[in-house]
Amino acid sequence: MKFFFAIILTLSSSLFVNAQVAIGEMAPDFSLNNTKNSTVSLSSFRGKVVMIDFWASWCGPCRIANPSVERIYQKYKAKGFEVLGISIDNKKKAWLKAIAQDKIHYQQLNDTLGWYSPVAEKYGINQIPTSFLLDKEGKIIAIDLIGSRLEMKVKELIKK
């Protein structure tokens, strides 16, 4: 009986897990507040290559990756590359402090709902860092590219 109950519980809980969006799909649109409490929508970046980067101030691997993302952003922003950092922090003060410490200049967004953020749920985020690279039409081209692989793909996409 315990085994049967465990199977039912596992199957029913899997119905509530959001699947991550996939390569080849159009990125779901969203609107979130930036550091100045202005609303920013993904759709306003159509025509640009966009990286959506889910992260948090307390995430060590995220913080280690931030300088590389910033460097690539600075190198290609004038050519049509944008980065939208989406924090899953639920403490705004910690989020803003991390942005300042990491010297991040690309767009930062947050709704302070942490893992319960509707945007994180829409994208199926269950770990961070997680990133999505979008082409100029908003289609997901790659997931979780970092370093030189990210830079090579950005360079390729901005030429198209």
Protein backbone atom coordinates (compact mmCIF):
# COMPACT_ATOMS: atom_id res chain seq x y z
CA MET A 1 0.00 0.00 0.00
CA LYS A 2 2.88 2.41 0.80
CA PHE A 3 4.42 1.75 -2.60
CA PHE A 4 1.12 2.50 -4.36
CA PHE A 5 0.71 5.72 -2.35
CA ALA A 6 4.27 6.79 -3.26
CA ILE A 7 3.59 6.26 -6.97
CA ILE A 8 0.35 8.27 -6.83
CA LEU A 9 2.07 11.07 -4.93
CA THR A 10 4.95 11.20 -7.42
CA LEU A 11 2.63 11.26 -10.43
CA SER A 12 0.34 13.90 -8.99
CA SER A 13 3.19 16.18 -7.92
CA SER A 14 4.71 16.02 -11.39
CA LEU A 15 1.55 17.60 -12.77
CA PHE A 16 2.44 20.82 -10.97
CA VAL A 17 6.03 21.16 -12.16
CA ASN A 18 6.53 23.66 -14.94
CA ALA A 19 8.59 22.40 -17.84
CA GLN A 20 11.41 24.68 -18.89
CA VAL A 21 10.94 26.48 -22.17
CA ALA A 22 12.99 24.92 -24.95
CA ILE A 23 15.31 25.85 -27.79
CA GLY A 24 13.30 26.73 -30.90
CA GLU A 25 10.33 28.11 -28.94
CA MET A 26 9.41 31.76 -28.81
CA ALA A 27 10.41 33.23 -25.46
CA PRO A 28 7.33 34.00 -23.35
CA ASP A 29 6.81 37.73 -22.93
CA PHE A 30 6.89 39.27 -19.48
CA SER A 31 7.01 42.61 -17.70
CA LEU A 32 8.95 43.25 -14.50
CA ASN A 33 10.21 46.24 -12.56
CA ASN A 34 13.80 47.36 -12.88
CA THR A 35 16.00 48.89 -10.17
CA LYS A 36 14.18 52.22 -10.56
CA ASN A 37 10.71 50.61 -10.28
CA SER A 38 10.00 51.20 -13.98
CA THR A 39 8.28 48.40 -15.86
CA VAL A 40 10.36 46.69 -18.55
CA SER A 41 8.87 44.21 -21.04
CA LEU A 42 10.79 41.60 -22.99
CA SER A 43 8.80 42.51 -26.12
CA SER A 44 10.36 46.00 -26.10
CA PHE A 45 13.70 44.39 -27.07
CA ARG A 46 12.51 42.80 -30.34
CA GLY A 47 15.03 43.39 -33.07
CA LYS A 48 17.92 42.82 -30.66
CA VAL A 49 19.76 39.70 -29.56
CA VAL A 50 18.78 39.20 -25.92
CA MET A 51 20.14 37.11 -23.09
CA ILE A 52 17.73 36.47 -20.23
CA ASP A 53 19.80 35.61 -17.18
CA PHE A 54 18.09 34.25 -14.06
CA TRP A 55 20.28 34.76 -10.99
CA ALA A 56 20.30 35.86 -7.32
CA SER A 57 22.57 37.79 -4.98
CA TRP A 58 23.11 34.72 -2.78
CA CYS A 59 24.03 32.39 -5.68
CA GLY A 60 27.82 31.89 -5.82
CA PRO A 61 27.97 30.52 -9.39
CA CYS A 62 25.75 33.40 -10.55
CA ARG A 63 28.02 35.98 -9.00
CA ILE A 64 31.09 34.32 -10.52
CA ALA A 65 29.44 34.47 -13.98
CA ASN A 66 28.36 38.14 -13.73
CA PRO A 67 31.71 39.70 -14.77
CA SER A 68 31.85 37.57 -17.93
CA VAL A 69 28.29 38.49 -18.87
CA GLU A 70 29.05 42.17 -18.19
CA ARG A 71 32.18 42.02 -20.38
CA ILE A 72 30.25 40.47 -23.29
CA TYR A 73 27.44 42.97 -22.83
CA GLN A 74 29.85 45.92 -22.92
CA LYS A 75 31.56 44.54 -26.02
CA TYR A 76 28.37 43.96 -28.05
CA LYS A 77 25.70 46.34 -26.68
CA ALA A 78 26.34 48.94 -29.39
CA LYS A 79 25.77 46.21 -32.00
CA GLY A 80 22.35 45.20 -30.70
CA PHE A 81 23.00 42.86 -27.76
CA GLU A 82 20.97 43.25 -24.57
CA VAL A 83 21.02 41.37 -21.30
CA LEU A 84 18.06 41.16 -18.95
CA GLY A 85 19.15 39.97 -15.55
CA ILE A 86 16.17 38.56 -13.68
CA SER A 87 16.84 38.18 -10.01
CA ILE A 88 14.93 35.69 -7.93
CA ASP A 89 15.96 37.56 -4.78
CA ASN A 90 13.11 38.33 -2.42
CA LYS A 91 15.14 40.98 -0.60
CA LYS A 92 15.51 44.08 -2.74
CA LYS A 93 18.36 45.50 -0.63
CA ALA A 94 20.52 42.38 -1.16
CA TRP A 95 19.73 42.42 -4.89
CA LEU A 96 20.72 46.08 -5.31
CA LYS A 97 23.89 45.56 -3.27
CA ALA A 98 24.96 42.64 -5.50
CA ILE A 99 24.38 44.71 -8.65
CA ALA A 100 26.61 47.46 -7.27
CA GLN A 101 29.31 45.05 -6.03
CA ASP A 102 29.43 43.19 -9.35
CA LYS A 103 29.36 46.46 -11.33
CA ILE A 104 26.50 45.28 -13.53
CA HIS A 105 25.33 47.83 -16.11
CA TYR A 106 22.84 45.77 -18.08
CA GLN A 107 19.13 45.84 -17.32
CA GLN A 108 18.21 44.25 -13.97
CA LEU A 109 14.67 43.12 -13.18
CA ASN A 110 12.98 41.63 -10.11
CA ASP A 111 9.54 41.22 -8.57
CA THR A 112 10.83 40.13 -5.09
CA LEU A 113 8.78 36.92 -5.15
CA GLY A 114 11.84 34.68 -5.28
CA TRP A 115 11.23 31.19 -6.64
CA TYR A 116 7.50 32.03 -6.82
CA SER A 117 8.03 34.71 -9.44
CA PRO A 118 5.49 34.22 -12.24
CA VAL A 119 8.28 34.85 -14.76
CA ALA A 120 10.54 32.20 -13.21
CA GLU A 121 7.58 29.81 -13.21
CA LYS A 122 6.73 30.68 -16.83
CA TYR A 123 10.29 29.83 -17.87
CA GLY A 124 10.37 26.68 -15.72
CA ILE A 125 13.30 27.87 -13.62
CA ASN A 126 14.26 25.30 -10.99
CA GLN A 127 17.95 26.18 -10.63
CA ILE A 128 20.19 29.18 -11.10
CA PRO A 129 22.05 30.42 -12.92
CA THR A 130 19.91 29.67 -15.93
CA SER A 131 20.05 31.74 -19.10
CA PHE A 132 18.30 31.88 -22.44
CA LEU A 133 19.77 33.44 -25.58
CA LEU A 134 17.18 34.85 -27.97
CA ASP A 135 17.53 35.84 -31.60
CA LYS A 136 16.21 39.16 -32.92
CA GLU A 137 12.71 37.72 -33.36
CA GLY A 138 12.54 36.46 -29.76
CA LYS A 139 13.14 32.77 -30.46
CA ILE A 140 15.22 30.80 -27.96
CA ILE A 141 18.46 29.87 -29.71
CA ALA A 142 20.49 28.52 -26.78
CA ILE A 143 20.22 27.76 -23.06
CA ASP A 144 22.96 28.19 -20.46
CA LEU A 145 25.78 29.32 -22.74
CA ILE A 146 28.70 30.83 -20.84
CA GLY A 147 32.05 32.46 -21.54
CA SER A 148 33.52 32.09 -25.01
CA ARG A 149 30.64 29.90 -26.23
CA LEU A 150 28.18 32.68 -25.32
CA GLU A 151 30.33 35.32 -26.96
CA MET A 152 30.71 33.33 -30.19
CA LYS A 153 26.93 32.81 -30.43
CA VAL A 154 26.18 36.48 -29.71
CA LYS A 155 28.67 37.54 -32.37
CA GLU A 156 27.04 35.18 -34.88
CA LEU A 157 23.49 36.36 -34.07
CA ILE A 158 24.16 40.09 -34.24
CA LYS A 159 25.53 39.69 -37.77
CA LYS A 160 22.25 38.21 -39.04
